[in-house]
Amino acid sequence: MRSKIIFPLALVMGIITTILFFSYIKPFHSEEVIQQKTIEVVKAKERIAENQIISSDLLEVVTVTEENIHPQAVRSIADVEGKYTDGVIEQGEILIAPRFKDQQEEKVYVSRKVKDGYRAVSVEANIVETVTNLMEPGDYVDVAVTFVKGDKVETEKIFSGVLVLAVGRKMDAPVNDESTYTEYNAVTLELKPNEAVKLINAHEKGNIHFTLHPSTIPPGEEE
């Protein structure tokens, strides 16, 4: 009689123990599943140099486990395509968003504003010579030099329709009429190498003056 009671009791205890065991390990099992979750990230197919513009052929999307992946890892090639690197990226490296700069940020590098085959060259210029500091980056100007020849003062135009890259250290045109006015005493122009030499010689020979083109007429179309 006693054995008949003990057996069912043991069976019930066994079932209860089993239920409690699986209830105990379930959170650990769920955590393990979460830790193995995969995500897509972007990595470099080859070594990418510092300050290099990013194109899609340099990158590939790979699937990795989410564990230990940087929270700012790049998830899409489109997020960095057309941007610049701020340092060397090694082949196989997972891309991190803060390591890239967009084209607007890159305007601080005047070298990237110079077209192929041209040079950036700066000359000193006072407030009168620069049209009372009204010239802005992106404007086009004619360049003239005034010099003394014997007992006469002569003025000669040496360039037409030259692009202004910067005024002082300012390399962007004002975004609106409320932009802060900044005085400057130097102008940086975009010229071909031989023209840059000519400008430097003219600056040593006399005083450089600029005449400002109208913004509504493309360079070369004025009479």
N, C-alpha and C. Protein backbone atom coordinates (compact mmCIF):
# COMPACT_ATOMS: atom_id res chain seq x y z
N MET A 1 0.83 -1.20 0.00
CA MET A 1 0.00 0.00 0.00
C MET A 1 0.87 1.25 0.00
N ARG A 2 1.89 1.14 0.82
CA ARG A 2 2.79 2.28 0.95
C ARG A 2 3.54 2.53 -0.35
N SER A 3 3.94 1.43 -1.02
CA SER A 3 4.67 1.55 -2.29
C SER A 3 3.79 2.14 -3.37
N LYS A 4 2.50 1.86 -3.33
CA LYS A 4 1.58 2.40 -4.32
C LYS A 4 1.46 3.91 -4.17
N ILE A 5 1.63 4.43 -3.00
CA ILE A 5 1.56 5.89 -2.79
C ILE A 5 2.87 6.56 -3.19
N ILE A 6 3.99 5.90 -2.87
CA ILE A 6 5.32 6.49 -3.13
C ILE A 6 5.59 6.63 -4.62
N PHE A 7 5.19 5.64 -5.42
CA PHE A 7 5.49 5.65 -6.86
C PHE A 7 4.81 6.82 -7.57
N PRO A 8 3.48 6.98 -7.39
CA PRO A 8 2.86 8.15 -8.04
C PRO A 8 3.42 9.47 -7.54
N LEU A 9 3.76 9.53 -6.26
CA LEU A 9 4.32 10.76 -5.71
C LEU A 9 5.67 11.07 -6.33
N ALA A 10 6.48 10.03 -6.51
CA ALA A 10 7.79 10.21 -7.14
C ALA A 10 7.64 10.68 -8.59
N LEU A 11 6.61 10.11 -9.27
CA LEU A 11 6.36 10.48 -10.66
C LEU A 11 5.96 11.95 -10.76
N VAL A 12 5.08 12.37 -9.86
CA VAL A 12 4.67 13.78 -9.85
C VAL A 12 5.85 14.69 -9.54
N MET A 13 6.69 14.31 -8.59
CA MET A 13 7.86 15.11 -8.24
C MET A 13 8.84 15.22 -9.42
N GLY A 14 8.94 14.10 -10.16
CA GLY A 14 9.82 14.10 -11.32
C GLY A 14 9.34 15.07 -12.39
N ILE A 15 8.02 15.08 -12.62
CA ILE A 15 7.45 16.00 -13.61
C ILE A 15 7.66 17.44 -13.20
N ILE A 16 7.41 17.70 -11.89
CA ILE A 16 7.60 19.06 -11.38
C ILE A 16 9.05 19.50 -11.52
N THR A 17 9.97 18.57 -11.20
CA THR A 17 11.41 18.88 -11.31
C THR A 17 11.80 19.20 -12.75
N THR A 18 11.26 18.42 -13.69
CA THR A 18 11.55 18.64 -15.12
C THR A 18 11.06 20.01 -15.58
N ILE A 19 9.82 20.34 -15.18
CA ILE A 19 9.26 21.64 -15.55
C ILE A 19 10.10 22.78 -14.99
N LEU A 20 10.48 22.64 -13.72
CA LEU A 20 11.30 23.69 -13.09
C LEU A 20 12.65 23.82 -13.77
N PHE A 21 13.24 22.69 -14.19
CA PHE A 21 14.55 22.71 -14.85
C PHE A 21 14.48 23.47 -16.17
N PHE A 22 13.48 23.16 -17.01
CA PHE A 22 13.37 23.83 -18.31
C PHE A 22 13.00 25.30 -18.15
N SER A 23 12.22 25.61 -17.12
CA SER A 23 11.90 27.01 -16.85
C SER A 23 13.15 27.78 -16.47
N TYR A 24 14.07 27.12 -15.77
CA TYR A 24 15.30 27.75 -15.32
C TYR A 24 16.26 28.03 -16.48
N ILE A 25 16.39 27.06 -17.40
CA ILE A 25 17.37 27.22 -18.49
C ILE A 25 16.81 28.01 -19.67
N LYS A 26 15.50 28.25 -19.74
CA LYS A 26 14.91 28.95 -20.88
C LYS A 26 15.50 30.34 -21.10
N PRO A 27 15.67 31.18 -20.06
CA PRO A 27 16.28 32.51 -20.28
C PRO A 27 17.68 32.45 -20.86
N PHE A 28 18.46 31.45 -20.41
CA PHE A 28 19.82 31.32 -20.93
C PHE A 28 19.80 30.91 -22.39
N HIS A 29 18.86 30.04 -22.75
CA HIS A 29 18.74 29.60 -24.13
C HIS A 29 18.33 30.77 -25.02
N SER A 30 17.38 31.60 -24.56
CA SER A 30 16.92 32.77 -25.31
C SER A 30 18.05 33.77 -25.50
N GLU A 31 18.85 33.97 -24.43
CA GLU A 31 19.98 34.90 -24.51
C GLU A 31 20.99 34.43 -25.53
N GLU A 32 21.20 33.11 -25.58
CA GLU A 32 22.15 32.57 -26.54
C GLU A 32 21.67 32.81 -27.97
N VAL A 33 20.35 32.68 -28.19
CA VAL A 33 19.79 32.91 -29.51
C VAL A 33 19.97 34.37 -29.92
N ILE A 34 19.73 35.30 -28.96
CA ILE A 34 19.88 36.72 -29.23
C ILE A 34 21.32 37.07 -29.58
N GLN A 35 22.26 36.49 -28.85
CA GLN A 35 23.67 36.77 -29.08
C GLN A 35 24.14 36.30 -30.45
N GLN A 36 23.46 35.34 -31.03
CA GLN A 36 23.84 34.82 -32.33
C GLN A 36 23.11 35.51 -33.48
N LYS A 37 22.39 36.59 -33.20
CA LYS A 37 21.67 37.32 -34.23
C LYS A 37 22.67 37.91 -35.23
N THR A 38 22.35 37.84 -36.51
CA THR A 38 23.26 38.33 -37.55
C THR A 38 22.76 39.65 -38.14
N ILE A 39 23.71 40.44 -38.63
CA ILE A 39 23.40 41.71 -39.29
C ILE A 39 24.29 41.86 -40.51
N GLU A 40 23.91 42.76 -41.40
CA GLU A 40 24.73 43.07 -42.57
C GLU A 40 25.53 44.35 -42.31
N VAL A 41 26.82 44.30 -42.58
CA VAL A 41 27.69 45.46 -42.44
C VAL A 41 28.56 45.58 -43.68
N VAL A 42 29.22 46.73 -43.81
CA VAL A 42 30.05 47.00 -44.99
C VAL A 42 31.52 46.89 -44.60
N LYS A 43 32.29 46.21 -45.44
CA LYS A 43 33.74 46.13 -45.19
C LYS A 43 34.50 46.48 -46.46
N ALA A 44 35.78 46.77 -46.30
CA ALA A 44 36.64 47.17 -47.42
C ALA A 44 37.11 45.94 -48.19
N LYS A 45 36.93 45.96 -49.51
CA LYS A 45 37.40 44.85 -50.35
C LYS A 45 38.90 44.93 -50.56
N GLU A 46 39.44 46.15 -50.41
CA GLU A 46 40.88 46.36 -50.59
C GLU A 46 41.32 47.51 -49.70
N ARG A 47 42.61 47.76 -49.65
CA ARG A 47 43.13 48.85 -48.83
C ARG A 47 42.71 50.19 -49.43
N ILE A 48 42.19 51.10 -48.60
CA ILE A 48 41.72 52.41 -49.05
C ILE A 48 42.60 53.47 -48.40
N ALA A 49 43.12 54.36 -49.21
CA ALA A 49 44.06 55.37 -48.73
C ALA A 49 43.34 56.49 -47.98
N GLU A 50 44.10 57.24 -47.20
CA GLU A 50 43.57 58.40 -46.50
C GLU A 50 43.13 59.46 -47.50
N ASN A 51 42.00 60.12 -47.20
CA ASN A 51 41.43 61.19 -48.04
C ASN A 51 41.00 60.71 -49.42
N GLN A 52 40.77 59.40 -49.57
CA GLN A 52 40.30 58.87 -50.84
C GLN A 52 38.78 58.90 -50.89
N ILE A 53 38.24 59.26 -52.04
CA ILE A 53 36.79 59.26 -52.20
C ILE A 53 36.31 57.82 -52.34
N ILE A 54 35.18 57.51 -51.70
CA ILE A 54 34.70 56.14 -51.65
C ILE A 54 33.77 55.85 -52.82
N SER A 55 34.03 54.74 -53.51
CA SER A 55 33.15 54.25 -54.57
C SER A 55 32.71 52.83 -54.22
N SER A 56 31.61 52.41 -54.79
CA SER A 56 31.02 51.11 -54.43
C SER A 56 31.93 49.94 -54.75
N ASP A 57 32.79 50.07 -55.75
CA ASP A 57 33.65 48.94 -56.12
C ASP A 57 34.73 48.66 -55.08
N LEU A 58 34.92 49.56 -54.13
CA LEU A 58 35.91 49.35 -53.07
C LEU A 58 35.31 48.58 -51.88
N LEU A 59 34.00 48.39 -51.89
CA LEU A 59 33.32 47.89 -50.70
C LEU A 59 32.49 46.64 -51.01
N GLU A 60 32.12 45.92 -49.96
CA GLU A 60 31.20 44.81 -50.09
C GLU A 60 30.40 44.67 -48.79
N VAL A 61 29.21 44.10 -48.92
CA VAL A 61 28.36 43.88 -47.76
C VAL A 61 28.53 42.43 -47.31
N VAL A 62 28.74 42.22 -46.02
CA VAL A 62 28.91 40.88 -45.46
C VAL A 62 27.96 40.70 -44.29
N THR A 63 27.61 39.45 -44.03
CA THR A 63 26.75 39.11 -42.90
C THR A 63 27.60 38.59 -41.75
N VAL A 64 27.44 39.18 -40.59
CA VAL A 64 28.23 38.79 -39.41
C VAL A 64 27.30 38.70 -38.20
N THR A 65 27.78 38.06 -37.13
CA THR A 65 27.01 38.04 -35.90
C THR A 65 27.07 39.42 -35.25
N GLU A 66 25.98 39.81 -34.66
CA GLU A 66 25.88 41.15 -34.11
C GLU A 66 26.80 41.36 -32.91
N GLU A 67 27.13 40.27 -32.24
CA GLU A 67 27.98 40.36 -31.06
C GLU A 67 29.34 40.95 -31.41
N ASN A 68 29.77 41.92 -30.63
CA ASN A 68 31.08 42.56 -30.77
C ASN A 68 31.21 43.47 -31.99
N ILE A 69 30.12 43.74 -32.71
CA ILE A 69 30.17 44.68 -33.83
C ILE A 69 29.93 46.09 -33.29
N HIS A 70 30.76 47.03 -33.73
CA HIS A 70 30.64 48.42 -33.27
C HIS A 70 29.25 48.96 -33.59
N PRO A 71 28.62 49.65 -32.66
CA PRO A 71 27.26 50.16 -32.90
C PRO A 71 27.18 51.15 -34.06
N GLN A 72 28.31 51.77 -34.44
CA GLN A 72 28.31 52.72 -35.55
C GLN A 72 28.87 52.11 -36.83
N ALA A 73 28.86 50.79 -36.89
CA ALA A 73 29.30 50.11 -38.11
C ALA A 73 28.37 50.49 -39.26
N VAL A 74 28.95 50.69 -40.43
CA VAL A 74 28.18 51.09 -41.60
C VAL A 74 27.37 49.90 -42.10
N ARG A 75 26.06 50.10 -42.30
CA ARG A 75 25.17 49.01 -42.70
C ARG A 75 24.89 49.00 -44.20
N SER A 76 25.10 50.12 -44.89
CA SER A 76 24.78 50.21 -46.32
C SER A 76 25.88 50.94 -47.06
N ILE A 77 26.23 50.47 -48.25
CA ILE A 77 27.25 51.11 -49.07
C ILE A 77 26.85 52.55 -49.41
N ALA A 78 25.55 52.76 -49.61
CA ALA A 78 25.05 54.09 -49.97
C ALA A 78 25.34 55.12 -48.89
N ASP A 79 25.52 54.67 -47.64
CA ASP A 79 25.76 55.60 -46.54
C ASP A 79 27.13 56.27 -46.62
N VAL A 80 28.07 55.65 -47.31
CA VAL A 80 29.44 56.22 -47.38
C VAL A 80 29.91 56.49 -48.79
N GLU A 81 29.17 56.05 -49.79
CA GLU A 81 29.58 56.27 -51.18
C GLU A 81 29.65 57.77 -51.47
N GLY A 82 30.75 58.22 -52.05
CA GLY A 82 30.94 59.63 -52.36
C GLY A 82 31.59 60.43 -51.25
N LYS A 83 31.79 59.80 -50.09
CA LYS A 83 32.45 60.50 -48.99
C LYS A 83 33.96 60.24 -49.03
N TYR A 84 34.69 60.90 -48.12
CA TYR A 84 36.14 60.77 -48.05
C TYR A 84 36.55 60.09 -46.75
N THR A 85 37.62 59.32 -46.80
CA THR A 85 38.15 58.70 -45.60
C THR A 85 38.98 59.70 -44.81
N ASP A 86 39.00 59.56 -43.48
CA ASP A 86 39.86 60.43 -42.67
C ASP A 86 41.13 59.72 -42.24
N GLY A 87 41.37 58.54 -42.79
CA GLY A 87 42.58 57.77 -42.49
C GLY A 87 42.59 56.51 -43.34
N VAL A 88 43.67 55.75 -43.26
CA VAL A 88 43.80 54.52 -44.04
C VAL A 88 42.84 53.46 -43.51
N ILE A 89 42.17 52.76 -44.42
CA ILE A 89 41.30 51.64 -44.06
C ILE A 89 41.89 50.39 -44.69
N GLU A 90 42.15 49.39 -43.87
CA GLU A 90 42.81 48.18 -44.34
C GLU A 90 41.80 47.23 -45.00
N GLN A 91 42.31 46.36 -45.87
CA GLN A 91 41.47 45.37 -46.54
C GLN A 91 40.78 44.48 -45.49
N GLY A 92 39.47 44.29 -45.65
CA GLY A 92 38.72 43.44 -44.73
C GLY A 92 38.20 44.15 -43.50
N GLU A 93 38.54 45.42 -43.34
CA GLU A 93 38.13 46.17 -42.14
C GLU A 93 36.66 46.56 -42.25
N ILE A 94 35.91 46.37 -41.16
CA ILE A 94 34.52 46.81 -41.09
C ILE A 94 34.50 48.33 -40.99
N LEU A 95 33.69 49.00 -41.81
CA LEU A 95 33.68 50.45 -41.84
C LEU A 95 32.89 51.02 -40.66
N ILE A 96 33.43 52.11 -40.10
CA ILE A 96 32.79 52.81 -38.98
C ILE A 96 32.42 54.22 -39.46
N ALA A 97 31.18 54.62 -39.25
CA ALA A 97 30.65 55.87 -39.80
C ALA A 97 31.50 57.10 -39.48
N PRO A 98 32.01 57.30 -38.24
CA PRO A 98 32.77 58.53 -37.94
C PRO A 98 34.07 58.68 -38.72
N ARG A 99 34.50 57.63 -39.42
CA ARG A 99 35.75 57.70 -40.16
C ARG A 99 35.59 58.28 -41.56
N PHE A 100 34.40 58.80 -41.85
CA PHE A 100 34.14 59.35 -43.19
C PHE A 100 33.62 60.78 -43.09
N LYS A 101 33.98 61.59 -44.09
CA LYS A 101 33.56 62.98 -44.15
C LYS A 101 32.86 63.21 -45.48
N ASP A 102 31.80 64.02 -45.46
CA ASP A 102 31.09 64.28 -46.71
C ASP A 102 31.77 65.40 -47.49
N GLN A 103 31.26 65.67 -48.68
CA GLN A 103 31.90 66.64 -49.56
C GLN A 103 31.82 68.06 -49.00
N GLN A 104 30.77 68.36 -48.25
CA GLN A 104 30.65 69.69 -47.66
C GLN A 104 31.79 69.93 -46.68
N GLU A 105 32.10 68.90 -45.85
CA GLU A 105 33.20 69.03 -44.89
C GLU A 105 34.53 69.14 -45.61
N GLU A 106 34.65 68.51 -46.77
CA GLU A 106 35.91 68.50 -47.49
C GLU A 106 36.24 69.85 -48.12
N LYS A 107 35.30 70.79 -48.14
CA LYS A 107 35.57 72.09 -48.72
C LYS A 107 36.65 72.85 -47.94
N VAL A 108 36.93 72.40 -46.72
CA VAL A 108 37.99 73.07 -45.96
C VAL A 108 39.35 72.81 -46.59
N TYR A 109 39.44 71.83 -47.47
CA TYR A 109 40.69 71.55 -48.15
C TYR A 109 40.65 72.23 -49.52
N VAL A 110 41.33 73.35 -49.64
CA VAL A 110 41.28 74.10 -50.89
C VAL A 110 41.85 73.28 -52.04
N SER A 111 42.75 72.35 -51.76
CA SER A 111 43.35 71.55 -52.83
C SER A 111 42.30 70.75 -53.59
N ARG A 112 41.20 70.40 -52.92
CA ARG A 112 40.15 69.62 -53.59
C ARG A 112 39.22 70.50 -54.42
N LYS A 113 39.38 71.82 -54.31
CA LYS A 113 38.56 72.72 -55.12
C LYS A 113 39.26 73.07 -56.42
N VAL A 114 40.54 72.74 -56.54
CA VAL A 114 41.30 73.10 -57.73
C VAL A 114 41.11 72.06 -58.81
N LYS A 115 40.73 72.48 -60.01
CA LYS A 115 40.55 71.56 -61.12
C LYS A 115 41.90 71.00 -61.57
N ASP A 116 41.83 69.82 -62.21
CA ASP A 116 43.04 69.21 -62.76
C ASP A 116 43.68 70.16 -63.77
N GLY A 117 44.99 70.30 -63.69
CA GLY A 117 45.73 71.16 -64.61
C GLY A 117 45.83 72.59 -64.16
N TYR A 118 45.24 72.91 -63.01
CA TYR A 118 45.29 74.27 -62.48
C TYR A 118 46.02 74.30 -61.15
N ARG A 119 46.29 75.50 -60.66
CA ARG A 119 46.95 75.69 -59.38
C ARG A 119 46.21 76.78 -58.59
N ALA A 120 46.32 76.73 -57.29
CA ALA A 120 45.81 77.79 -56.42
C ALA A 120 46.98 78.71 -56.09
N VAL A 121 46.81 80.01 -56.31
CA VAL A 121 47.87 80.97 -56.03
C VAL A 121 47.26 82.19 -55.34
N SER A 122 47.91 82.66 -54.30
CA SER A 122 47.40 83.79 -53.51
C SER A 122 48.28 85.02 -53.69
N VAL A 123 47.62 86.17 -53.64
CA VAL A 123 48.34 87.44 -53.67
C VAL A 123 47.73 88.37 -52.64
N GLU A 124 48.54 89.26 -52.11
CA GLU A 124 48.04 90.28 -51.19
C GLU A 124 47.20 91.30 -51.97
N ALA A 125 46.17 91.80 -51.31
CA ALA A 125 45.33 92.81 -51.94
C ALA A 125 44.63 93.60 -50.85
N ASN A 126 44.59 94.92 -51.00
CA ASN A 126 43.94 95.74 -49.98
C ASN A 126 42.44 95.86 -50.25
N ILE A 127 41.75 96.63 -49.43
CA ILE A 127 40.29 96.70 -49.52
C ILE A 127 39.81 97.34 -50.81
N VAL A 128 40.57 98.29 -51.36
CA VAL A 128 40.19 98.92 -52.62
C VAL A 128 40.43 97.97 -53.78
N GLU A 129 41.56 97.32 -53.79
CA GLU A 129 41.92 96.42 -54.89
C GLU A 129 40.96 95.24 -55.00
N THR A 130 40.31 94.88 -53.88
CA THR A 130 39.39 93.74 -53.88
C THR A 130 37.93 94.17 -53.96
N VAL A 131 37.67 95.31 -54.57
CA VAL A 131 36.30 95.84 -54.70
C VAL A 131 35.68 95.96 -53.31
N THR A 132 36.41 96.64 -52.43
CA THR A 132 36.01 96.85 -51.02
C THR A 132 35.61 95.56 -50.33
N ASN A 133 36.40 94.53 -50.56
CA ASN A 133 36.17 93.23 -49.91
C ASN A 133 34.82 92.61 -50.26
N LEU A 134 34.29 92.95 -51.42
CA LEU A 134 33.00 92.40 -51.83
C LEU A 134 33.14 91.13 -52.67
N MET A 135 34.35 90.76 -53.01
CA MET A 135 34.56 89.51 -53.73
C MET A 135 34.33 88.33 -52.80
N GLU A 136 33.76 87.25 -53.35
CA GLU A 136 33.47 86.07 -52.56
C GLU A 136 33.97 84.82 -53.29
N PRO A 137 34.27 83.74 -52.57
CA PRO A 137 34.63 82.49 -53.24
C PRO A 137 33.56 82.08 -54.24
N GLY A 138 33.99 81.68 -55.42
CA GLY A 138 33.05 81.31 -56.47
C GLY A 138 32.79 82.41 -57.47
N ASP A 139 33.21 83.65 -57.15
CA ASP A 139 33.08 84.75 -58.10
C ASP A 139 34.13 84.62 -59.20
N TYR A 140 33.87 85.33 -60.32
CA TYR A 140 34.86 85.41 -61.39
C TYR A 140 35.31 86.86 -61.54
N VAL A 141 36.60 87.05 -61.78
CA VAL A 141 37.17 88.39 -61.84
C VAL A 141 38.14 88.50 -63.01
N ASP A 142 38.34 89.74 -63.44
CA ASP A 142 39.46 90.07 -64.31
C ASP A 142 40.58 90.59 -63.42
N VAL A 143 41.82 90.38 -63.85
CA VAL A 143 42.98 90.77 -63.05
C VAL A 143 43.82 91.76 -63.84
N ALA A 144 44.14 92.87 -63.20
CA ALA A 144 44.97 93.90 -63.85
C ALA A 144 46.11 94.26 -62.92
N VAL A 145 47.20 94.73 -63.50
CA VAL A 145 48.35 95.19 -62.71
C VAL A 145 48.65 96.64 -63.08
N THR A 146 48.89 97.44 -62.06
CA THR A 146 49.27 98.85 -62.25
C THR A 146 50.73 99.01 -61.82
N PHE A 147 51.53 99.63 -62.68
CA PHE A 147 52.95 99.77 -62.37
C PHE A 147 53.49 101.09 -62.95
N VAL A 148 54.62 101.49 -62.43
CA VAL A 148 55.25 102.74 -62.89
C VAL A 148 56.29 102.40 -63.96
N LYS A 149 56.18 103.09 -65.10
CA LYS A 149 57.13 102.90 -66.19
C LYS A 149 57.69 104.26 -66.59
N GLY A 150 58.91 104.49 -66.16
CA GLY A 150 59.51 105.81 -66.37
C GLY A 150 58.79 106.82 -65.49
N ASP A 151 58.21 107.85 -66.12
CA ASP A 151 57.47 108.84 -65.36
C ASP A 151 55.96 108.67 -65.54
N LYS A 152 55.56 107.51 -66.03
CA LYS A 152 54.14 107.24 -66.27
C LYS A 152 53.65 106.05 -65.44
N VAL A 153 52.37 106.09 -65.11
CA VAL A 153 51.71 104.96 -64.44
C VAL A 153 50.88 104.22 -65.49
N GLU A 154 51.12 102.95 -65.64
CA GLU A 154 50.41 102.16 -66.65
C GLU A 154 49.63 101.03 -65.98
N THR A 155 48.52 100.66 -66.61
CA THR A 155 47.69 99.55 -66.12
C THR A 155 47.49 98.56 -67.26
N GLU A 156 47.68 97.30 -66.95
CA GLU A 156 47.58 96.25 -67.96
C GLU A 156 46.70 95.11 -67.43
N LYS A 157 45.70 94.72 -68.22
CA LYS A 157 44.89 93.56 -67.83
C LYS A 157 45.65 92.30 -68.21
N ILE A 158 45.81 91.41 -67.24
CA ILE A 158 46.60 90.20 -67.52
C ILE A 158 45.75 88.92 -67.59
N PHE A 159 44.57 88.91 -66.96
CA PHE A 159 43.69 87.74 -67.02
C PHE A 159 42.23 88.16 -67.08
N SER A 160 41.40 87.32 -67.68
CA SER A 160 39.96 87.55 -67.73
C SER A 160 39.23 86.29 -67.23
N GLY A 161 38.14 86.50 -66.49
CA GLY A 161 37.29 85.39 -66.08
C GLY A 161 37.98 84.35 -65.22
N VAL A 162 38.71 84.82 -64.20
CA VAL A 162 39.44 83.91 -63.30
C VAL A 162 38.57 83.58 -62.09
N LEU A 163 38.54 82.32 -61.70
CA LEU A 163 37.75 81.88 -60.56
C LEU A 163 38.43 82.24 -59.23
N VAL A 164 37.66 82.82 -58.33
CA VAL A 164 38.14 83.09 -56.97
C VAL A 164 37.90 81.86 -56.10
N LEU A 165 38.97 81.24 -55.63
CA LEU A 165 38.85 80.06 -54.77
C LEU A 165 38.61 80.43 -53.32
N ALA A 166 39.27 81.50 -52.87
CA ALA A 166 39.16 81.90 -51.46
C ALA A 166 39.48 83.37 -51.32
N VAL A 167 38.92 83.96 -50.28
CA VAL A 167 39.28 85.32 -49.87
C VAL A 167 39.73 85.24 -48.42
N GLY A 168 40.96 85.63 -48.16
CA GLY A 168 41.53 85.35 -46.85
C GLY A 168 41.56 83.84 -46.66
N ARG A 169 41.01 83.36 -45.54
CA ARG A 169 40.90 81.92 -45.30
C ARG A 169 39.47 81.42 -45.52
N LYS A 170 38.66 82.24 -46.11
CA LYS A 170 37.25 81.89 -46.36
C LYS A 170 37.14 81.21 -47.72
N MET A 171 36.60 79.99 -47.73
CA MET A 171 36.55 79.22 -48.96
C MET A 171 35.14 78.89 -49.42
N ASP A 172 34.14 79.45 -48.74
CA ASP A 172 32.75 79.23 -49.13
C ASP A 172 32.03 80.55 -49.27
N ALA A 173 31.19 80.66 -50.29
CA ALA A 173 30.38 81.86 -50.48
C ALA A 173 29.33 81.94 -49.38
N PRO A 174 28.85 83.13 -49.04
CA PRO A 174 27.82 83.26 -48.00
C PRO A 174 26.55 82.54 -48.41
N VAL A 175 25.89 81.90 -47.43
CA VAL A 175 24.66 81.16 -47.73
C VAL A 175 23.45 82.06 -47.79
N ASN A 176 23.51 83.24 -47.18
CA ASN A 176 22.39 84.18 -47.23
C ASN A 176 22.91 85.59 -46.93
N ASP A 177 22.00 86.55 -46.98
CA ASP A 177 22.39 87.95 -46.78
C ASP A 177 22.77 88.27 -45.35
N GLU A 178 22.48 87.35 -44.42
CA GLU A 178 22.77 87.59 -43.01
C GLU A 178 24.12 87.02 -42.58
N SER A 179 24.87 86.45 -43.55
CA SER A 179 26.17 85.88 -43.21
C SER A 179 27.12 86.96 -42.70
N THR A 180 27.97 86.58 -41.78
CA THR A 180 28.89 87.53 -41.15
C THR A 180 29.91 88.05 -42.16
N TYR A 181 30.09 89.37 -42.19
CA TYR A 181 31.08 89.99 -43.07
C TYR A 181 32.48 89.79 -42.50
N THR A 182 33.41 89.44 -43.35
CA THR A 182 34.78 89.22 -42.91
C THR A 182 35.73 90.01 -43.79
N GLU A 183 36.59 90.83 -43.18
CA GLU A 183 37.60 91.55 -43.94
C GLU A 183 38.75 90.60 -44.27
N TYR A 184 39.41 90.88 -45.40
CA TYR A 184 40.54 90.04 -45.80
C TYR A 184 41.54 90.90 -46.56
N ASN A 185 42.77 90.42 -46.63
CA ASN A 185 43.81 91.16 -47.35
C ASN A 185 44.60 90.25 -48.29
N ALA A 186 44.00 89.11 -48.66
CA ALA A 186 44.63 88.21 -49.62
C ALA A 186 43.53 87.51 -50.40
N VAL A 187 43.84 87.20 -51.66
CA VAL A 187 42.88 86.52 -52.54
C VAL A 187 43.58 85.32 -53.17
N THR A 188 42.87 84.20 -53.24
CA THR A 188 43.41 82.99 -53.85
C THR A 188 42.65 82.71 -55.13
N LEU A 189 43.38 82.60 -56.24
CA LEU A 189 42.79 82.39 -57.56
C LEU A 189 43.16 81.02 -58.11
N GLU A 190 42.34 80.55 -59.04
CA GLU A 190 42.63 79.30 -59.75
C GLU A 190 43.19 79.64 -61.13
N LEU A 191 44.47 79.29 -61.33
CA LEU A 191 45.15 79.61 -62.58
C LEU A 191 45.96 78.41 -63.07
N LYS A 192 46.26 78.41 -64.35
CA LYS A 192 47.17 77.40 -64.88
C LYS A 192 48.58 77.70 -64.37
N PRO A 193 49.45 76.69 -64.32
CA PRO A 193 50.78 76.90 -63.72
C PRO A 193 51.55 78.09 -64.29
N ASN A 194 51.54 78.25 -65.63
CA ASN A 194 52.28 79.39 -66.22
C ASN A 194 51.60 80.71 -65.89
N GLU A 195 50.26 80.70 -65.74
CA GLU A 195 49.56 81.92 -65.37
C GLU A 195 49.85 82.31 -63.92
N ALA A 196 49.99 81.29 -63.06
CA ALA A 196 50.31 81.56 -61.66
C ALA A 196 51.65 82.28 -61.56
N VAL A 197 52.62 81.85 -62.36
CA VAL A 197 53.92 82.51 -62.37
C VAL A 197 53.78 83.95 -62.86
N LYS A 198 52.97 84.15 -63.88
CA LYS A 198 52.75 85.50 -64.41
C LYS A 198 52.11 86.41 -63.36
N LEU A 199 51.17 85.87 -62.59
CA LEU A 199 50.53 86.67 -61.54
C LEU A 199 51.53 87.05 -60.46
N ILE A 200 52.38 86.11 -60.07
CA ILE A 200 53.38 86.39 -59.04
C ILE A 200 54.34 87.48 -59.51
N ASN A 201 54.76 87.39 -60.77
CA ASN A 201 55.66 88.41 -61.32
C ASN A 201 54.97 89.77 -61.36
N ALA A 202 53.69 89.77 -61.74
CA ALA A 202 52.94 91.03 -61.82
C ALA A 202 52.78 91.64 -60.43
N HIS A 203 52.57 90.78 -59.43
CA HIS A 203 52.43 91.27 -58.05
C HIS A 203 53.73 91.92 -57.57
N GLU A 204 54.86 91.36 -57.95
CA GLU A 204 56.16 91.94 -57.58
C GLU A 204 56.44 93.22 -58.39
N LYS A 205 55.86 93.30 -59.57
CA LYS A 205 56.11 94.43 -60.46
C LYS A 205 55.30 95.66 -60.08
N GLY A 206 54.06 95.44 -59.58
CA GLY A 206 53.20 96.58 -59.26
C GLY A 206 52.05 96.15 -58.35
N ASN A 207 50.94 96.86 -58.44
CA ASN A 207 49.77 96.58 -57.62
C ASN A 207 48.71 95.82 -58.42
N ILE A 208 48.17 94.76 -57.81
CA ILE A 208 47.15 93.95 -58.45
C ILE A 208 45.77 94.51 -58.13
N HIS A 209 44.92 94.60 -59.15
CA HIS A 209 43.54 95.02 -58.97
C HIS A 209 42.62 93.97 -59.60
N PHE A 210 41.42 93.87 -59.03
CA PHE A 210 40.43 92.92 -59.54
C PHE A 210 39.17 93.66 -59.95
N THR A 211 38.58 93.24 -61.04
CA THR A 211 37.27 93.75 -61.44
C THR A 211 36.29 92.57 -61.44
N LEU A 212 35.16 92.78 -60.79
CA LEU A 212 34.23 91.69 -60.52
C LEU A 212 33.25 91.49 -61.66
N HIS A 213 33.09 90.23 -62.09
CA HIS A 213 32.12 89.90 -63.13
C HIS A 213 30.71 89.87 -62.55
N PRO A 214 29.69 90.17 -63.35
CA PRO A 214 28.31 89.99 -62.89
C PRO A 214 28.01 88.51 -62.72
N SER A 215 27.31 88.17 -61.64
CA SER A 215 27.05 86.76 -61.34
C SER A 215 26.05 86.14 -62.30
N THR A 216 25.30 86.94 -63.02
CA THR A 216 24.25 86.41 -63.90
C THR A 216 24.77 86.09 -65.30
N ILE A 217 26.03 86.44 -65.59
CA ILE A 217 26.59 86.21 -66.91
C ILE A 217 27.79 85.26 -66.80
N PRO A 218 27.75 84.09 -67.45
CA PRO A 218 28.88 83.16 -67.36
C PRO A 218 30.16 83.79 -67.88
N PRO A 219 31.32 83.45 -67.33
CA PRO A 219 32.60 83.99 -67.79
C PRO A 219 32.80 83.73 -69.29
N GLY A 220 33.29 84.71 -69.99
CA GLY A 220 33.54 84.56 -71.42
C GLY A 220 32.42 85.05 -72.30
N GLU A 221 31.24 85.33 -71.70
CA GLU A 221 30.11 85.78 -72.50
C GLU A 221 29.93 87.29 -72.44
N GLU A 222 30.70 87.98 -71.59
CA GLU A 222 30.60 89.43 -71.54
C GLU A 222 31.30 90.02 -72.76
N GLU A 223 30.87 91.18 -73.12
CA GLU A 223 31.56 91.85 -74.23
C GLU A 223 32.84 92.51 -73.72
